[in-house]
Amino acid sequence: MKVSFVTVPTTIEPLGIMHLSASLKQAGHECSIGIEGDILAASIMPGSEGILEILEKEKKGRRVIVGGPAPTIGWRQRNNYMAECAIKKYE
């Protein structure tokens, strides 16, 4: 199975994506950055609204997995737009 990580340019290294990619590769899966995989995965942080738009546009029947600070921690906070969008769109 091929997993594609959707990300936006940032000055912070995407450690979560790096760890997940390494684990998936050890399990025999292919990983890449982009939108060409069987599964689209993204780490969603405040300020990365563009990722949600990309995932919605490129989903095309593929499974979408979201993680990161917004859906992981933010779902407990009221009025957290990023968490709300990530959870409602892809649950």
N, C-alpha and C. Protein backbone atom coordinates (compact mmCIF):
# COMPACT_ATOMS: atom_id res chain seq x y z
N MET A 1 0.84 -1.16 0.00
CA MET A 1 0.00 0.00 0.00
C MET A 1 0.89 1.23 0.00
N LYS A 2 0.44 2.27 -0.70
CA LYS A 2 1.22 3.50 -0.77
C LYS A 2 0.51 4.60 0.01
N VAL A 3 1.23 5.19 0.94
CA VAL A 3 0.72 6.27 1.77
C VAL A 3 1.40 7.57 1.37
N SER A 4 0.61 8.58 1.06
CA SER A 4 1.15 9.89 0.72
C SER A 4 0.85 10.87 1.84
N PHE A 5 1.88 11.56 2.29
CA PHE A 5 1.73 12.57 3.33
C PHE A 5 1.58 13.93 2.66
N VAL A 6 0.49 14.61 2.99
CA VAL A 6 0.22 15.93 2.45
C VAL A 6 0.69 16.93 3.49
N THR A 7 1.53 17.86 3.09
CA THR A 7 2.10 18.81 4.04
C THR A 7 2.27 20.17 3.38
N VAL A 8 2.48 21.17 4.18
CA VAL A 8 2.77 22.51 3.68
C VAL A 8 4.18 22.87 4.12
N PRO A 9 4.85 23.73 3.36
CA PRO A 9 6.20 24.14 3.75
C PRO A 9 6.22 24.78 5.14
N THR A 10 7.20 24.41 5.93
CA THR A 10 7.32 24.95 7.28
C THR A 10 8.79 24.96 7.68
N THR A 11 9.10 25.74 8.68
CA THR A 11 10.48 25.78 9.17
C THR A 11 10.73 24.70 10.22
N ILE A 12 9.66 24.03 10.65
CA ILE A 12 9.77 22.97 11.65
C ILE A 12 9.78 21.63 10.94
N GLU A 13 10.74 20.78 11.29
CA GLU A 13 10.79 19.46 10.66
C GLU A 13 9.57 18.65 11.07
N PRO A 14 8.94 17.97 10.10
CA PRO A 14 7.73 17.20 10.40
C PRO A 14 8.06 15.86 11.07
N LEU A 15 8.41 15.90 12.35
CA LEU A 15 8.85 14.69 13.04
C LEU A 15 7.78 13.60 13.07
N GLY A 16 6.52 13.99 13.24
CA GLY A 16 5.45 12.99 13.25
C GLY A 16 5.39 12.23 11.94
N ILE A 17 5.45 12.97 10.83
CA ILE A 17 5.43 12.35 9.51
C ILE A 17 6.66 11.47 9.33
N MET A 18 7.80 11.93 9.79
CA MET A 18 9.03 11.15 9.65
C MET A 18 8.95 9.83 10.42
N HIS A 19 8.42 9.88 11.63
CA HIS A 19 8.28 8.66 12.44
C HIS A 19 7.28 7.69 11.81
N LEU A 20 6.13 8.22 11.40
CA LEU A 20 5.12 7.37 10.78
C LEU A 20 5.63 6.75 9.48
N SER A 21 6.31 7.54 8.69
CA SER A 21 6.86 7.05 7.43
C SER A 21 7.85 5.91 7.67
N ALA A 22 8.74 6.08 8.65
CA ALA A 22 9.72 5.04 8.96
C ALA A 22 9.02 3.75 9.40
N SER A 23 8.01 3.86 10.24
CA SER A 23 7.29 2.68 10.71
C SER A 23 6.55 1.99 9.57
N LEU A 24 5.92 2.76 8.72
CA LEU A 24 5.20 2.19 7.59
C LEU A 24 6.16 1.49 6.62
N LYS A 25 7.31 2.09 6.38
CA LYS A 25 8.30 1.48 5.49
C LYS A 25 8.82 0.16 6.07
N GLN A 26 9.04 0.12 7.38
CA GLN A 26 9.47 -1.12 8.02
C GLN A 26 8.42 -2.21 7.88
N ALA A 27 7.16 -1.82 7.79
CA ALA A 27 6.07 -2.78 7.64
C ALA A 27 5.82 -3.14 6.17
N GLY A 28 6.64 -2.59 5.27
CA GLY A 28 6.54 -2.96 3.86
C GLY A 28 5.71 -2.04 2.99
N HIS A 29 5.30 -0.89 3.50
CA HIS A 29 4.50 0.04 2.72
C HIS A 29 5.40 1.09 2.06
N GLU A 30 4.90 1.68 0.99
CA GLU A 30 5.59 2.78 0.33
C GLU A 30 5.07 4.09 0.90
N CYS A 31 5.95 5.07 1.05
CA CYS A 31 5.56 6.39 1.58
C CYS A 31 6.15 7.47 0.71
N SER A 32 5.42 8.57 0.60
CA SER A 32 5.93 9.71 -0.16
C SER A 32 5.25 10.98 0.33
N ILE A 33 5.78 12.10 -0.10
CA ILE A 33 5.16 13.39 0.13
C ILE A 33 4.42 13.72 -1.16
N GLY A 34 3.15 14.04 -1.08
CA GLY A 34 2.39 14.37 -2.28
C GLY A 34 0.97 13.88 -2.17
N ILE A 35 0.35 13.62 -3.34
CA ILE A 35 -1.06 13.24 -3.36
C ILE A 35 -1.32 12.01 -4.22
N GLU A 36 -0.31 11.18 -4.46
CA GLU A 36 -0.49 10.07 -5.38
C GLU A 36 -0.72 8.71 -4.72
N GLY A 37 -0.81 8.63 -3.42
CA GLY A 37 -0.94 7.35 -2.74
C GLY A 37 -2.35 6.80 -2.65
N ASP A 38 -2.45 5.56 -2.16
CA ASP A 38 -3.74 4.93 -1.91
C ASP A 38 -4.42 5.57 -0.69
N ILE A 39 -3.60 6.06 0.22
CA ILE A 39 -4.07 6.72 1.44
C ILE A 39 -3.41 8.10 1.51
N LEU A 40 -4.20 9.11 1.85
CA LEU A 40 -3.65 10.45 2.07
C LEU A 40 -3.62 10.70 3.57
N ALA A 41 -2.49 11.16 4.07
CA ALA A 41 -2.33 11.43 5.50
C ALA A 41 -1.78 12.84 5.69
N ALA A 42 -2.22 13.50 6.75
CA ALA A 42 -1.76 14.86 7.00
C ALA A 42 -1.71 15.15 8.48
N SER A 43 -0.73 15.96 8.85
CA SER A 43 -0.64 16.49 10.20
C SER A 43 -1.21 17.90 10.14
N ILE A 44 -2.27 18.15 10.89
CA ILE A 44 -2.97 19.42 10.81
C ILE A 44 -2.63 20.27 12.02
N MET A 45 -2.10 21.46 11.73
CA MET A 45 -1.72 22.40 12.77
C MET A 45 -2.48 23.70 12.53
N PRO A 46 -2.66 24.50 13.57
CA PRO A 46 -3.26 25.82 13.35
C PRO A 46 -2.46 26.58 12.29
N GLY A 47 -3.16 27.16 11.35
CA GLY A 47 -2.49 27.88 10.28
C GLY A 47 -2.28 27.05 9.02
N SER A 48 -2.67 25.79 9.06
CA SER A 48 -2.49 24.94 7.88
C SER A 48 -3.83 24.60 7.23
N GLU A 49 -4.70 25.60 7.14
CA GLU A 49 -6.01 25.41 6.56
C GLU A 49 -5.95 24.89 5.13
N GLY A 50 -4.90 25.23 4.42
CA GLY A 50 -4.75 24.80 3.03
C GLY A 50 -4.72 23.29 2.87
N ILE A 51 -4.23 22.58 3.88
CA ILE A 51 -4.17 21.12 3.80
C ILE A 51 -5.58 20.54 3.72
N LEU A 52 -6.51 21.07 4.49
CA LEU A 52 -7.89 20.57 4.46
C LEU A 52 -8.49 20.74 3.06
N GLU A 53 -8.21 21.85 2.43
CA GLU A 53 -8.73 22.09 1.08
C GLU A 53 -8.11 21.10 0.09
N ILE A 54 -6.82 20.85 0.21
CA ILE A 54 -6.14 19.89 -0.67
C ILE A 54 -6.72 18.49 -0.47
N LEU A 55 -6.89 18.08 0.79
CA LEU A 55 -7.44 16.74 1.07
C LEU A 55 -8.84 16.59 0.49
N GLU A 56 -9.67 17.60 0.65
CA GLU A 56 -11.03 17.54 0.14
C GLU A 56 -11.04 17.43 -1.38
N LYS A 57 -10.20 18.21 -2.03
CA LYS A 57 -10.14 18.22 -3.49
C LYS A 57 -9.57 16.91 -4.04
N GLU A 58 -8.56 16.36 -3.40
CA GLU A 58 -7.84 15.21 -3.92
C GLU A 58 -8.30 13.86 -3.37
N LYS A 59 -9.27 13.85 -2.48
CA LYS A 59 -9.69 12.59 -1.83
C LYS A 59 -10.07 11.52 -2.85
N LYS A 60 -10.95 11.79 -3.74
CA LYS A 60 -11.34 10.91 -4.84
C LYS A 60 -11.50 9.45 -4.42
N GLY A 61 -12.27 9.22 -3.37
CA GLY A 61 -12.55 7.86 -2.93
C GLY A 61 -11.46 7.20 -2.09
N ARG A 62 -10.37 7.90 -1.83
CA ARG A 62 -9.29 7.34 -1.02
C ARG A 62 -9.53 7.60 0.45
N ARG A 63 -8.95 6.77 1.29
CA ARG A 63 -9.01 6.98 2.73
C ARG A 63 -8.12 8.17 3.09
N VAL A 64 -8.61 9.00 4.00
CA VAL A 64 -7.87 10.16 4.48
C VAL A 64 -7.66 10.02 5.98
N ILE A 65 -6.43 10.20 6.41
CA ILE A 65 -6.09 10.11 7.84
C ILE A 65 -5.50 11.45 8.26
N VAL A 66 -6.05 12.03 9.33
CA VAL A 66 -5.52 13.29 9.84
C VAL A 66 -5.07 13.12 11.28
N GLY A 67 -4.03 13.82 11.62
CA GLY A 67 -3.51 13.82 12.98
C GLY A 67 -2.85 15.17 13.22
N GLY A 68 -2.10 15.26 14.27
CA GLY A 68 -1.43 16.52 14.59
C GLY A 68 -2.13 17.24 15.72
N PRO A 69 -1.64 18.42 16.05
CA PRO A 69 -2.16 19.15 17.21
C PRO A 69 -3.64 19.52 17.12
N ALA A 70 -4.12 19.95 15.96
CA ALA A 70 -5.52 20.40 15.88
C ALA A 70 -6.51 19.28 16.16
N PRO A 71 -6.46 18.16 15.44
CA PRO A 71 -7.45 17.12 15.74
C PRO A 71 -7.16 16.32 17.01
N THR A 72 -5.90 16.27 17.44
CA THR A 72 -5.55 15.47 18.61
C THR A 72 -5.89 16.19 19.91
N ILE A 73 -5.48 17.43 20.04
CA ILE A 73 -5.70 18.19 21.28
C ILE A 73 -6.85 19.16 21.14
N GLY A 74 -6.95 19.80 19.99
CA GLY A 74 -7.91 20.87 19.79
C GLY A 74 -9.36 20.45 19.83
N TRP A 75 -9.66 19.17 19.61
CA TRP A 75 -11.06 18.74 19.59
C TRP A 75 -11.73 18.98 20.93
N ARG A 76 -10.96 19.09 21.99
CA ARG A 76 -11.54 19.33 23.32
C ARG A 76 -11.88 20.80 23.54
N GLN A 77 -11.32 21.66 22.72
CA GLN A 77 -11.55 23.09 22.88
C GLN A 77 -12.76 23.51 22.05
N ARG A 78 -13.62 24.28 22.62
CA ARG A 78 -14.76 24.79 21.86
C ARG A 78 -14.27 25.79 20.82
N ASN A 79 -14.98 25.84 19.71
CA ASN A 79 -14.68 26.77 18.63
C ASN A 79 -13.30 26.59 18.03
N ASN A 80 -12.77 25.36 18.06
CA ASN A 80 -11.50 25.11 17.40
C ASN A 80 -11.81 24.69 15.96
N TYR A 81 -11.75 25.63 15.06
CA TYR A 81 -12.15 25.43 13.67
C TYR A 81 -11.38 24.30 13.00
N MET A 82 -10.07 24.28 13.17
CA MET A 82 -9.25 23.26 12.50
C MET A 82 -9.62 21.86 12.97
N ALA A 83 -9.75 21.68 14.25
CA ALA A 83 -10.10 20.35 14.77
C ALA A 83 -11.48 19.95 14.31
N GLU A 84 -12.41 20.87 14.35
CA GLU A 84 -13.78 20.57 13.96
C GLU A 84 -13.85 20.16 12.49
N CYS A 85 -13.17 20.86 11.62
CA CYS A 85 -13.16 20.53 10.20
C CYS A 85 -12.52 19.18 9.96
N ALA A 86 -11.38 18.94 10.57
CA ALA A 86 -10.66 17.69 10.36
C ALA A 86 -11.48 16.49 10.83
N ILE A 87 -12.10 16.60 11.96
CA ILE A 87 -12.86 15.47 12.50
C ILE A 87 -14.16 15.25 11.73
N LYS A 88 -14.90 16.29 11.43
CA LYS A 88 -16.18 16.14 10.75
C LYS A 88 -16.02 15.65 9.31
N LYS A 89 -15.02 16.13 8.61
CA LYS A 89 -14.85 15.77 7.21
C LYS A 89 -14.38 14.33 7.03
N TYR A 90 -13.63 13.83 7.97
CA TYR A 90 -12.96 12.56 7.71
C TYR A 90 -13.26 11.46 8.72
N GLU A 91 -14.26 11.63 9.56
CA GLU A 91 -14.57 10.57 10.52
C GLU A 91 -15.38 9.47 9.87
